[in-house]
Amino acid sequence: MIKNVGIDIIKNKRIKVNDQFASKILAEKEFQYYSSVDSKTRQREYLAGRWAVKEALIKALEYNFPLNTVCIATGDDNKLKVTGLNLAENEFLNISLSHEEEYSVGIAILSEK
């Protein structure tokens, strides 16, 4: 059963591509990937996507958290996984993010088992 939904959209050009800003948004594993990317455009898309999905999580969960304490990574099943959050035993999250040239969007769905 769905308990809550959060969604966020951001204009990519609002994102600053620099390590100081990235370290405020990205968890350590995410920052390692970000640092390995050569293209500033791809770095901006990556940051914007992570920003959008983490803001969507805040809306779905209805509480704030430091963005860099939560990691969004692709699991073995090729689905996005969230680590760094404490959910109730009967809760789970589904998330998705997408980006194109101008915008990035993230969605989070909090459900009960």
PDB file of N, CA and C in Angstrom:
ATOM      1  N   MET A   1       0.835  -1.174   0.000  1.00  0.00           N
ATOM      2  CA  MET A   1       0.000   0.000   0.000  1.00  0.00           C
ATOM      3  C   MET A   1       0.893   1.255   0.000  1.00  0.00           C
ATOM      4  N   ILE A   2       0.579   2.185  -0.858  1.00  0.00           N
ATOM      5  CA  ILE A   2       1.340   3.429  -0.947  1.00  0.00           C
ATOM      6  C   ILE A   2       0.976   4.333   0.226  1.00  0.00           C
ATOM      7  N   LYS A   3       2.018   4.803   0.926  1.00  0.00           N
ATOM      8  CA  LYS A   3       1.827   5.714   2.058  1.00  0.00           C
ATOM      9  C   LYS A   3       2.004   7.167   1.658  1.00  0.00           C
ATOM     10  N   ASN A   4       2.978   7.430   0.768  1.00  0.00           N
ATOM     11  CA  ASN A   4       3.259   8.810   0.377  1.00  0.00           C
ATOM     12  C   ASN A   4       4.110   8.823  -0.883  1.00  0.00           C
ATOM     13  N   VAL A   5       4.067   9.929  -1.593  1.00  0.00           N
ATOM     14  CA  VAL A   5       4.832  10.106  -2.832  1.00  0.00           C
ATOM     15  C   VAL A   5       5.507  11.472  -2.782  1.00  0.00           C
ATOM     16  N   GLY A   6       6.750  11.532  -3.243  1.00  0.00           N
ATOM     17  CA  GLY A   6       7.454  12.800  -3.384  1.00  0.00           C
ATOM     18  C   GLY A   6       8.007  12.906  -4.788  1.00  0.00           C
ATOM     19  N   ILE A   7       8.001  14.093  -5.333  1.00  0.00           N
ATOM     20  CA  ILE A   7       8.546  14.325  -6.671  1.00  0.00           C
ATOM     21  C   ILE A   7       9.255  15.675  -6.672  1.00  0.00           C
ATOM     22  N   ASP A   8      10.324  15.776  -7.455  1.00  0.00           N
ATOM     23  CA  ASP A   8      11.051  17.028  -7.551  1.00  0.00           C
ATOM     24  C   ASP A   8      11.613  17.160  -8.963  1.00  0.00           C
ATOM     25  N   ILE A   9      11.639  18.378  -9.443  1.00  0.00           N
ATOM     26  CA  ILE A   9      12.231  18.683 -10.750  1.00  0.00           C
ATOM     27  C   ILE A   9      13.156  19.876 -10.574  1.00  0.00           C
ATOM     28  N   ILE A  10      14.243  19.861 -11.306  1.00  0.00           N
ATOM     29  CA  ILE A  10      15.210  20.953 -11.223  1.00  0.00           C
ATOM     30  C   ILE A  10      15.740  21.273 -12.615  1.00  0.00           C
ATOM     31  N   LYS A  11      15.956  22.540 -12.862  1.00  0.00           N
ATOM     32  CA  LYS A  11      16.600  22.970 -14.104  1.00  0.00           C
ATOM     33  C   LYS A  11      18.092  22.721 -13.951  1.00  0.00           C
ATOM     34  N   ASN A  12      18.670  21.925 -14.827  1.00  0.00           N
ATOM     35  CA  ASN A  12      20.061  21.493 -14.687  1.00  0.00           C
ATOM     36  C   ASN A  12      21.051  22.654 -14.575  1.00  0.00           C
ATOM     37  N   LYS A  13      20.801  23.737 -15.283  1.00  0.00           N
ATOM     38  CA  LYS A  13      21.782  24.829 -15.265  1.00  0.00           C
ATOM     39  C   LYS A  13      21.863  25.528 -13.909  1.00  0.00           C
ATOM     40  N   ARG A  14      20.922  25.242 -12.998  1.00  0.00           N
ATOM     41  CA  ARG A  14      20.983  25.803 -11.639  1.00  0.00           C
ATOM     42  C   ARG A  14      22.033  25.097 -10.778  1.00  0.00           C
ATOM     43  N   ILE A  15      22.487  23.937 -11.232  1.00  0.00           N
ATOM     44  CA  ILE A  15      23.446  23.135 -10.470  1.00  0.00           C
ATOM     45  C   ILE A  15      24.869  23.616 -10.747  1.00  0.00           C
ATOM     46  N   LYS A  16      25.606  23.867  -9.685  1.00  0.00           N
ATOM     47  CA  LYS A  16      27.013  24.277  -9.785  1.00  0.00           C
ATOM     48  C   LYS A  16      27.878  23.031  -9.841  1.00  0.00           C
ATOM     49  N   VAL A  17      28.726  22.968 -10.836  1.00  0.00           N
ATOM     50  CA  VAL A  17      29.624  21.813 -10.968  1.00  0.00           C
ATOM     51  C   VAL A  17      30.955  22.159 -10.309  1.00  0.00           C
ATOM     52  N   ASN A  18      31.039  21.845  -9.016  1.00  0.00           N
ATOM     53  CA  ASN A  18      32.303  21.980  -8.293  1.00  0.00           C
ATOM     54  C   ASN A  18      32.279  21.014  -7.112  1.00  0.00           C
ATOM     55  N   ASP A  19      33.449  20.652  -6.648  1.00  0.00           N
ATOM     56  CA  ASP A  19      33.563  19.633  -5.603  1.00  0.00           C
ATOM     57  C   ASP A  19      32.921  20.064  -4.287  1.00  0.00           C
ATOM     58  N   GLN A  20      33.000  21.336  -3.955  1.00  0.00           N
ATOM     59  CA  GLN A  20      32.418  21.799  -2.696  1.00  0.00           C
ATOM     60  C   GLN A  20      30.902  21.588  -2.698  1.00  0.00           C
ATOM     61  N   PHE A  21      30.247  21.981  -3.769  1.00  0.00           N
ATOM     62  CA  PHE A  21      28.802  21.800  -3.876  1.00  0.00           C
ATOM     63  C   PHE A  21      28.455  20.315  -3.941  1.00  0.00           C
ATOM     64  N   ALA A  22      29.204  19.560  -4.742  1.00  0.00           N
ATOM     65  CA  ALA A  22      28.945  18.124  -4.890  1.00  0.00           C
ATOM     66  C   ALA A  22      29.051  17.394  -3.559  1.00  0.00           C
ATOM     67  N   SER A  23      29.996  17.785  -2.729  1.00  0.00           N
ATOM     68  CA  SER A  23      30.185  17.108  -1.442  1.00  0.00           C
ATOM     69  C   SER A  23      29.016  17.353  -0.485  1.00  0.00           C
ATOM     70  N   LYS A  24      28.228  18.386  -0.730  1.00  0.00           N
ATOM     71  CA  LYS A  24      27.046  18.641   0.088  1.00  0.00           C
ATOM     72  C   LYS A  24      25.856  17.781  -0.342  1.00  0.00           C
ATOM     73  N   ILE A  25      25.882  17.310  -1.577  1.00  0.00           N
ATOM     74  CA  ILE A  25      24.778  16.537  -2.139  1.00  0.00           C
ATOM     75  C   ILE A  25      25.065  15.036  -2.136  1.00  0.00           C
ATOM     76  N   LEU A  26      26.298  14.674  -2.439  1.00  0.00           N
ATOM     77  CA  LEU A  26      26.630  13.279  -2.718  1.00  0.00           C
ATOM     78  C   LEU A  26      27.228  12.552  -1.523  1.00  0.00           C
ATOM     79  N   ALA A  27      26.816  11.300  -1.347  1.00  0.00           N
ATOM     80  CA  ALA A  27      27.453  10.408  -0.390  1.00  0.00           C
ATOM     81  C   ALA A  27      28.814  10.003  -0.961  1.00  0.00           C
ATOM     82  N   GLU A  28      29.642   9.395  -0.158  1.00  0.00           N
ATOM     83  CA  GLU A  28      31.021   9.080  -0.569  1.00  0.00           C
ATOM     84  C   GLU A  28      31.075   8.252  -1.856  1.00  0.00           C
ATOM     85  N   LYS A  29      30.273   7.213  -1.941  1.00  0.00           N
ATOM     86  CA  LYS A  29      30.261   6.357  -3.147  1.00  0.00           C
ATOM     87  C   LYS A  29      29.828   7.151  -4.381  1.00  0.00           C
ATOM     88  N   GLU A  30      28.833   8.004  -4.216  1.00  0.00           N
ATOM     89  CA  GLU A  30      28.363   8.833  -5.325  1.00  0.00           C
ATOM     90  C   GLU A  30      29.441   9.829  -5.738  1.00  0.00           C
ATOM     91  N   PHE A  31      30.122  10.413  -4.753  1.00  0.00           N
ATOM     92  CA  PHE A  31      31.164  11.398  -5.038  1.00  0.00           C
ATOM     93  C   PHE A  31      32.318  10.755  -5.811  1.00  0.00           C
ATOM     94  N   GLN A  32      32.647   9.514  -5.490  1.00  0.00           N
ATOM     95  CA  GLN A  32      33.708   8.803  -6.220  1.00  0.00           C
ATOM     96  C   GLN A  32      33.346   8.673  -7.693  1.00  0.00           C
ATOM     97  N   TYR A  33      32.092   8.310  -7.974  1.00  0.00           N
ATOM     98  CA  TYR A  33      31.665   8.213  -9.372  1.00  0.00           C
ATOM     99  C   TYR A  33      31.711   9.587 -10.040  1.00  0.00           C
ATOM    100  N   TYR A  34      31.130  10.585  -9.385  1.00  0.00           N
ATOM    101  CA  TYR A  34      31.102  11.952  -9.909  1.00  0.00           C
ATOM    102  C   TYR A  34      32.514  12.421 -10.269  1.00  0.00           C
ATOM    103  N   SER A  35      33.482  12.163  -9.390  1.00  0.00           N
ATOM    104  CA  SER A  35      34.864  12.597  -9.607  1.00  0.00           C
ATOM    105  C   SER A  35      35.519  11.892 -10.787  1.00  0.00           C
ATOM    106  N   SER A  36      35.030  10.708 -11.123  1.00  0.00           N
ATOM    107  CA  SER A  36      35.629   9.940 -12.228  1.00  0.00           C
ATOM    108  C   SER A  36      35.101  10.356 -13.597  1.00  0.00           C
ATOM    109  N   VAL A  37      34.053  11.172 -13.626  1.00  0.00           N
ATOM    110  CA  VAL A  37      33.432  11.595 -14.879  1.00  0.00           C
ATOM    111  C   VAL A  37      34.186  12.799 -15.441  1.00  0.00           C
ATOM    112  N   ASP A  38      34.585  12.716 -16.697  1.00  0.00           N
ATOM    113  CA  ASP A  38      35.364  13.784 -17.337  1.00  0.00           C
ATOM    114  C   ASP A  38      34.507  14.942 -17.855  1.00  0.00           C
ATOM    115  N   SER A  39      33.288  14.663 -18.224  1.00  0.00           N
ATOM    116  CA  SER A  39      32.427  15.659 -18.851  1.00  0.00           C
ATOM    117  C   SER A  39      31.694  16.502 -17.800  1.00  0.00           C
ATOM    118  N   LYS A  40      31.841  17.825 -17.885  1.00  0.00           N
ATOM    119  CA  LYS A  40      31.121  18.727 -16.981  1.00  0.00           C
ATOM    120  C   LYS A  40      29.602  18.603 -17.182  1.00  0.00           C
ATOM    121  N   THR A  41      29.181  18.375 -18.419  1.00  0.00           N
ATOM    122  CA  THR A  41      27.753  18.197 -18.698  1.00  0.00           C
ATOM    123  C   THR A  41      27.224  16.975 -17.983  1.00  0.00           C
ATOM    124  N   ARG A  42      27.950  15.869 -18.065  1.00  0.00           N
ATOM    125  CA  ARG A  42      27.522  14.634 -17.391  1.00  0.00           C
ATOM    126  C   ARG A  42      27.577  14.799 -15.867  1.00  0.00           C
ATOM    127  N   GLN A  43      28.578  15.495 -15.358  1.00  0.00           N
ATOM    128  CA  GLN A  43      28.647  15.756 -13.917  1.00  0.00           C
ATOM    129  C   GLN A  43      27.424  16.557 -13.465  1.00  0.00           C
ATOM    130  N   ARG A  44      27.049  17.572 -14.248  1.00  0.00           N
ATOM    131  CA  ARG A  44      25.883  18.395 -13.909  1.00  0.00           C
ATOM    132  C   ARG A  44      24.611  17.549 -13.908  1.00  0.00           C
ATOM    133  N   GLU A  45      24.439  16.702 -14.922  1.00  0.00           N
ATOM    134  CA  GLU A  45      23.266  15.824 -14.975  1.00  0.00           C
ATOM    135  C   GLU A  45      23.224  14.884 -13.772  1.00  0.00           C
ATOM    136  N   TYR A  46      24.378  14.323 -13.418  1.00  0.00           N
ATOM    137  CA  TYR A  46      24.473  13.406 -12.295  1.00  0.00           C
ATOM    138  C   TYR A  46      24.090  14.116 -10.987  1.00  0.00           C
ATOM    139  N   LEU A  47      24.652  15.289 -10.752  1.00  0.00           N
ATOM    140  CA  LEU A  47      24.334  16.067  -9.557  1.00  0.00           C
ATOM    141  C   LEU A  47      22.848  16.448  -9.525  1.00  0.00           C
ATOM    142  N   ALA A  48      22.329  16.905 -10.650  1.00  0.00           N
ATOM    143  CA  ALA A  48      20.921  17.320 -10.713  1.00  0.00           C
ATOM    144  C   ALA A  48      19.996  16.137 -10.451  1.00  0.00           C
ATOM    145  N   GLY A  49      20.304  14.987 -11.012  1.00  0.00           N
ATOM    146  CA  GLY A  49      19.483  13.800 -10.787  1.00  0.00           C
ATOM    147  C   GLY A  49      19.486  13.371  -9.333  1.00  0.00           C
ATOM    148  N   ARG A  50      20.666  13.376  -8.709  1.00  0.00           N
ATOM    149  CA  ARG A  50      20.764  13.008  -7.291  1.00  0.00           C
ATOM    150  C   ARG A  50      20.038  14.037  -6.419  1.00  0.00           C
ATOM    151  N   TRP A  51      20.195  15.314  -6.746  1.00  0.00           N
ATOM    152  CA  TRP A  51      19.486  16.366  -6.018  1.00  0.00           C
ATOM    153  C   TRP A  51      17.972  16.116  -6.092  1.00  0.00           C
ATOM    154  N   ALA A  52      17.458  15.903  -7.303  1.00  0.00           N
ATOM    155  CA  ALA A  52      16.018  15.750  -7.497  1.00  0.00           C
ATOM    156  C   ALA A  52      15.469  14.542  -6.737  1.00  0.00           C
ATOM    157  N   VAL A  53      16.142  13.409  -6.813  1.00  0.00           N
ATOM    158  CA  VAL A  53      15.599  12.216  -6.152  1.00  0.00           C
ATOM    159  C   VAL A  53      15.722  12.324  -4.628  1.00  0.00           C
ATOM    160  N   LYS A  54      16.766  12.969  -4.127  1.00  0.00           N
ATOM    161  CA  LYS A  54      16.893  13.139  -2.678  1.00  0.00           C
ATOM    162  C   LYS A  54      15.859  14.139  -2.155  1.00  0.00           C
ATOM    163  N   GLU A  55      15.566  15.184  -2.906  1.00  0.00           N
ATOM    164  CA  GLU A  55      14.500  16.103  -2.528  1.00  0.00           C
ATOM    165  C   GLU A  55      13.147  15.389  -2.574  1.00  0.00           C
ATOM    166  N   ALA A  56      12.950  14.503  -3.538  1.00  0.00           N
ATOM    167  CA  ALA A  56      11.719  13.708  -3.600  1.00  0.00           C
ATOM    168  C   ALA A  56      11.606  12.796  -2.370  1.00  0.00           C
ATOM    169  N   LEU A  57      12.719  12.246  -1.927  1.00  0.00           N
ATOM    170  CA  LEU A  57      12.724  11.421  -0.713  1.00  0.00           C
ATOM    171  C   LEU A  57      12.299  12.235   0.509  1.00  0.00           C
ATOM    172  N   ILE A  58      12.824  13.448   0.625  1.00  0.00           N
ATOM    173  CA  ILE A  58      12.456  14.320   1.745  1.00  0.00           C
ATOM    174  C   ILE A  58      10.939  14.551   1.748  1.00  0.00           C
ATOM    175  N   LYS A  59      10.374  14.768   0.584  1.00  0.00           N
ATOM    176  CA  LYS A  59       8.930  15.003   0.492  1.00  0.00           C
ATOM    177  C   LYS A  59       8.136  13.743   0.825  1.00  0.00           C
ATOM    178  N   ALA A  60       8.566  12.599   0.344  1.00  0.00           N
ATOM    179  CA  ALA A  60       7.846  11.350   0.610  1.00  0.00           C
ATOM    180  C   ALA A  60       7.937  10.951   2.081  1.00  0.00           C
ATOM    181  N   LEU A  61       9.104  11.154   2.679  1.00  0.00           N
ATOM    182  CA  LEU A  61       9.318  10.761   4.072  1.00  0.00           C
ATOM    183  C   LEU A  61       8.829  11.803   5.076  1.00  0.00           C
ATOM    184  N   GLU A  62       8.658  13.026   4.586  1.00  0.00           N
ATOM    185  CA  GLU A  62       8.202  14.155   5.396  1.00  0.00           C
ATOM    186  C   GLU A  62       9.159  14.501   6.533  1.00  0.00           C
ATOM    187  N   TYR A  63      10.445  14.338   6.284  1.00  0.00           N
ATOM    188  CA  TYR A  63      11.464  14.853   7.201  1.00  0.00           C
ATOM    189  C   TYR A  63      12.739  15.137   6.425  1.00  0.00           C
ATOM    190  N   ASN A  64      13.512  16.100   6.940  1.00  0.00           N
ATOM    191  CA  ASN A  64      14.769  16.493   6.305  1.00  0.00           C
ATOM    192  C   ASN A  64      15.915  15.616   6.769  1.00  0.00           C
ATOM    193  N   PHE A  65      16.917  15.514   5.932  1.00  0.00           N
ATOM    194  CA  PHE A  65      18.166  14.826   6.264  1.00  0.00           C
ATOM    195  C   PHE A  65      19.272  15.475   5.443  1.00  0.00           C
ATOM    196  N   PRO A  66      20.507  15.411   5.918  1.00  0.00           N
ATOM    197  CA  PRO A  66      21.620  15.920   5.095  1.00  0.00           C
ATOM    198  C   PRO A  66      21.718  15.078   3.816  1.00  0.00           C
ATOM    199  N   LEU A  67      21.695  15.714   2.675  1.00  0.00           N
ATOM    200  CA  LEU A  67      21.667  14.987   1.406  1.00  0.00           C
ATOM    201  C   LEU A  67      22.855  14.037   1.245  1.00  0.00           C
ATOM    202  N   ASN A  68      24.016  14.423   1.778  1.00  0.00           N
ATOM    203  CA  ASN A  68      25.212  13.592   1.594  1.00  0.00           C
ATOM    204  C   ASN A  68      25.259  12.386   2.522  1.00  0.00           C
ATOM    205  N   THR A  69      24.230  12.173   3.343  1.00  0.00           N
ATOM    206  CA  THR A  69      24.178  10.979   4.190  1.00  0.00           C
ATOM    207  C   THR A  69      23.390   9.840   3.547  1.00  0.00           C
ATOM    208  N   VAL A  70      22.774  10.125   2.411  1.00  0.00           N
ATOM    209  CA  VAL A  70      21.961   9.136   1.702  1.00  0.00           C
ATOM    210  C   VAL A  70      22.618   8.847   0.364  1.00  0.00           C
ATOM    211  N   CYS A  71      22.721   7.557   0.041  1.00  0.00           N
ATOM    212  CA  CYS A  71      23.359   7.134  -1.209  1.00  0.00           C
ATOM    213  C   CYS A  71      22.334   6.503  -2.135  1.00  0.00           C
ATOM    214  N   ILE A  72      22.349   6.935  -3.381  1.00  0.00           N
ATOM    215  CA  ILE A  72      21.514   6.359  -4.436  1.00  0.00           C
ATOM    216  C   ILE A  72      22.467   5.621  -5.369  1.00  0.00           C
ATOM    217  N   ALA A  73      22.286   4.305  -5.475  1.00  0.00           N
ATOM    218  CA  ALA A  73      23.179   3.500  -6.310  1.00  0.00           C
ATOM    219  C   ALA A  73      22.364   2.438  -7.041  1.00  0.00           C
ATOM    220  N   THR A  74      22.899   1.968  -8.131  1.00  0.00           N
ATOM    221  CA  THR A  74      22.255   0.908  -8.894  1.00  0.00           C
ATOM    222  C   THR A  74      22.597  -0.433  -8.273  1.00  0.00           C
ATOM    223  N   GLY A  75      21.566  -1.225  -7.983  1.00  0.00           N
ATOM    224  CA  GLY A  75      21.758  -2.539  -7.388  1.00  0.00           C
ATOM    225  C   GLY A  75      22.091  -3.591  -8.437  1.00  0.00           C
ATOM    226  N   ASP A  76      22.314  -4.811  -7.978  1.00  0.00           N
ATOM    227  CA  ASP A  76      22.623  -5.922  -8.888  1.00  0.00           C
ATOM    228  C   ASP A  76      21.487  -6.187  -9.872  1.00  0.00           C
ATOM    229  N   ASP A  77      20.271  -5.830  -9.483  1.00  0.00           N
ATOM    230  CA  ASP A  77      19.111  -6.033 -10.354  1.00  0.00           C
ATOM    231  C   ASP A  77      18.863  -4.849 -11.293  1.00  0.00           C
ATOM    232  N   ASN A  78      19.818  -3.911 -11.336  1.00  0.00           N
ATOM    233  CA  ASN A  78      19.752  -2.713 -12.194  1.00  0.00           C
ATOM    234  C   ASN A  78      18.694  -1.705 -11.745  1.00  0.00           C
ATOM    235  N   LYS A  79      18.187  -1.845 -10.520  1.00  0.00           N
ATOM    236  CA  LYS A  79      17.239  -0.879  -9.964  1.00  0.00           C
ATOM    237  C   LYS A  79      17.984   0.041  -9.009  1.00  0.00           C
ATOM    238  N   LEU A  80      17.507   1.276  -8.915  1.00  0.00           N
ATOM    239  CA  LEU A  80      18.109   2.220  -7.980  1.00  0.00           C
ATOM    240  C   LEU A  80      17.781   1.809  -6.549  1.00  0.00           C
ATOM    241  N   LYS A  81      18.783   1.856  -5.693  1.00  0.00           N
ATOM    242  CA  LYS A  81      18.649   1.499  -4.281  1.00  0.00           C
ATOM    243  C   LYS A  81      19.017   2.707  -3.430  1.00  0.00           C
ATOM    244  N   VAL A  82      18.368   2.827  -2.290  1.00  0.00           N
ATOM    245  CA  VAL A  82      18.632   3.898  -1.337  1.00  0.00           C
ATOM    246  C   VAL A  82      19.262   3.294  -0.096  1.00  0.00           C
ATOM    247  N   THR A  83      20.391   3.858   0.327  1.00  0.00           N
ATOM    248  CA  THR A  83      20.977   3.477   1.609  1.00  0.00           C
ATOM    249  C   THR A  83      21.198   4.738   2.429  1.00  0.00           C
ATOM    250  N   GLY A  84      21.204   4.564   3.741  1.00  0.00           N
ATOM    251  CA  GLY A  84      21.451   5.690   4.632  1.00  0.00           C
ATOM    252  C   GLY A  84      20.201   6.244   5.300  1.00  0.00           C
ATOM    253  N   LEU A  85      19.063   5.598   5.063  1.00  0.00           N
ATOM    254  CA  LEU A  85      17.812   6.022   5.690  1.00  0.00           C
ATOM    255  C   LEU A  85      17.320   4.935   6.628  1.00  0.00           C
ATOM    256  N   ASN A  86      16.656   5.348   7.693  1.00  0.00           N
ATOM    257  CA  ASN A  86      16.047   4.399   8.625  1.00  0.00           C
ATOM    258  C   ASN A  86      14.548   4.367   8.376  1.00  0.00           C
ATOM    259  N   LEU A  87      14.099   3.259   7.799  1.00  0.00           N
ATOM    260  CA  LEU A  87      12.672   3.082   7.551  1.00  0.00           C
ATOM    261  C   LEU A  87      12.102   2.116   8.582  1.00  0.00           C
ATOM    262  N   ALA A  88      10.803   2.203   8.796  1.00  0.00           N
ATOM    263  CA  ALA A  88      10.139   1.217   9.636  1.00  0.00           C
ATOM    264  C   ALA A  88      10.279  -0.154   8.974  1.00  0.00           C
ATOM    265  N   GLU A  89      10.198  -1.192   9.767  1.00  0.00           N
ATOM    266  CA  GLU A  89      10.407  -2.555   9.261  1.00  0.00           C
ATOM    267  C   GLU A  89       9.436  -2.920   8.135  1.00  0.00           C
ATOM    268  N   ASN A  90       8.246  -2.343   8.162  1.00  0.00           N
ATOM    269  CA  ASN A  90       7.236  -2.679   7.155  1.00  0.00           C
ATOM    270  C   ASN A  90       7.187  -1.678   5.993  1.00  0.00           C
ATOM    271  N   GLU A  91       8.175  -0.786   5.906  1.00  0.00           N
ATOM    272  CA  GLU A  91       8.202   0.217   4.838  1.00  0.00           C
ATOM    273  C   GLU A  91       9.296  -0.085   3.811  1.00  0.00           C
ATOM    274  N   PHE A  92       9.049   0.340   2.581  1.00  0.00           N
ATOM    275  CA  PHE A  92      10.085   0.280   1.553  1.00  0.00           C
ATOM    276  C   PHE A  92       9.892   1.434   0.572  1.00  0.00           C
ATOM    277  N   LEU A  93      10.947   1.727  -0.159  1.00  0.00           N
ATOM    278  CA  LEU A  93      10.952   2.839  -1.108  1.00  0.00           C
ATOM    279  C   LEU A  93      11.171   2.346  -2.523  1.00  0.00           C
ATOM    280  N   ASN A  94      10.480   2.955  -3.448  1.00  0.00           N
ATOM    281  CA  ASN A  94      10.776   2.836  -4.867  1.00  0.00           C
ATOM    282  C   ASN A  94      11.143   4.230  -5.343  1.00  0.00           C
ATOM    283  N   ILE A  95      12.244   4.319  -6.081  1.00  0.00           N
ATOM    284  CA  ILE A  95      12.679   5.620  -6.585  1.00  0.00           C
ATOM    285  C   ILE A  95      13.006   5.520  -8.064  1.00  0.00           C
ATOM    286  N   SER A  96      12.958   6.659  -8.709  1.00  0.00           N
ATOM    287  CA  SER A  96      13.373   6.749 -10.103  1.00  0.00           C
ATOM    288  C   SER A  96      13.848   8.171 -10.355  1.00  0.00           C
ATOM    289  N   LEU A  97      14.761   8.307 -11.294  1.00  0.00           N
ATOM    290  CA  LEU A  97      15.199   9.632 -11.709  1.00  0.00           C
ATOM    291  C   LEU A  97      15.434   9.625 -13.206  1.00  0.00           C
ATOM    292  N   SER A  98      15.311  10.795 -13.768  1.00  0.00           N
ATOM    293  CA  SER A  98      15.524  10.941 -15.201  1.00  0.00           C
ATOM    294  C   SER A  98      16.055  12.338 -15.460  1.00  0.00           C
ATOM    295  N   HIS A  99      16.828  12.460 -16.522  1.00  0.00           N
ATOM    296  CA  HIS A  99      17.319  13.785 -16.890  1.00  0.00           C
ATOM    297  C   HIS A  99      17.429  13.879 -18.390  1.00  0.00           C
ATOM    298  N   GLU A 100      17.313  15.083 -18.848  1.00  0.00           N
ATOM    299  CA  GLU A 100      17.515  15.400 -20.257  1.00  0.00           C
ATOM    300  C   GLU A 100      18.308  16.692 -20.303  1.00  0.00           C
ATOM    301  N   GLU A 101      18.419  17.298 -21.402  1.00  0.00           N
ATOM    302  CA  GLU A 101      19.305  18.449 -21.564  1.00  0.00           C
ATOM    303  C   GLU A 101      19.040  19.569 -20.561  1.00  0.00           C
ATOM    304  N   GLU A 102      17.784  19.902 -20.315  1.00  0.00           N
ATOM    305  CA  GLU A 102      17.466  21.052 -19.470  1.00  0.00           C
ATOM    306  C   GLU A 102      17.021  20.723 -18.055  1.00  0.00           C
ATOM    307  N   TYR A 103      16.374  19.590 -17.851  1.00  0.00           N
ATOM    308  CA  TYR A 103      15.768  19.281 -16.559  1.00  0.00           C
ATOM    309  C   TYR A 103      16.136  17.889 -16.063  1.00  0.00           C
ATOM    310  N   SER A 104      16.069  17.746 -14.745  1.00  0.00           N
ATOM    311  CA  SER A 104      16.171  16.438 -14.098  1.00  0.00           C
ATOM    312  C   SER A 104      14.992  16.298 -13.155  1.00  0.00           C
ATOM    313  N   VAL A 105      14.499  15.093 -13.022  1.00  0.00           N
ATOM    314  CA  VAL A 105      13.332  14.827 -12.177  1.00  0.00           C
ATOM    315  C   VAL A 105      13.601  13.564 -11.354  1.00  0.00           C
ATOM    316  N   GLY A 106      13.106  13.581 -10.116  1.00  0.00           N
ATOM    317  CA  GLY A 106      13.194  12.409  -9.262  1.00  0.00           C
ATOM    318  C   GLY A 106      11.857  12.156  -8.604  1.00  0.00           C
ATOM    319  N   ILE A 107      11.549  10.884  -8.379  1.00  0.00           N
ATOM    320  CA  ILE A 107      10.325  10.497  -7.698  1.00  0.00           C
ATOM    321  C   ILE A 107      10.649   9.448  -6.654  1.00  0.00           C
ATOM    322  N   ALA A 108       9.954   9.518  -5.537  1.00  0.00           N
ATOM    323  CA  ALA A 108      10.106   8.545  -4.453  1.00  0.00           C
ATOM    324  C   ALA A 108       8.713   8.122  -4.009  1.00  0.00           C
ATOM    325  N   ILE A 109       8.516   6.819  -3.893  1.00  0.00           N
ATOM    326  CA  ILE A 109       7.241   6.270  -3.446  1.00  0.00           C
ATOM    327  C   ILE A 109       7.502   5.454  -2.187  1.00  0.00           C
ATOM    328  N   LEU A 110       6.910   5.886  -1.097  1.00  0.00           N
ATOM    329  CA  LEU A 110       7.023   5.184   0.188  1.00  0.00           C
ATOM    330  C   LEU A 110       5.811   4.275   0.322  1.00  0.00           C
ATOM    331  N   SER A 111       6.084   2.977   0.519  1.00  0.00           N
ATOM    332  CA  SER A 111       5.010   1.990   0.600  1.00  0.00           C
ATOM    333  C   SER A 111       5.153   1.142   1.865  1.00  0.00           C
ATOM    334  N   GLU A 112       4.048   0.501   2.217  1.00  0.00           N
ATOM    335  CA  GLU A 112       4.019  -0.461   3.309  1.00  0.00           C
ATOM    336  C   GLU A 112       3.934  -1.854   2.726  1.00  0.00           C
ATOM    337  N   LYS A 113       4.615  -2.788   3.368  1.00  0.00           N
ATOM    338  CA  LYS A 113       4.532  -4.187   2.911  1.00  0.00           C
ATOM    339  C   LYS A 113       3.197  -4.776   3.301  1.00  0.00           C
TER     340      LYS A 113
END
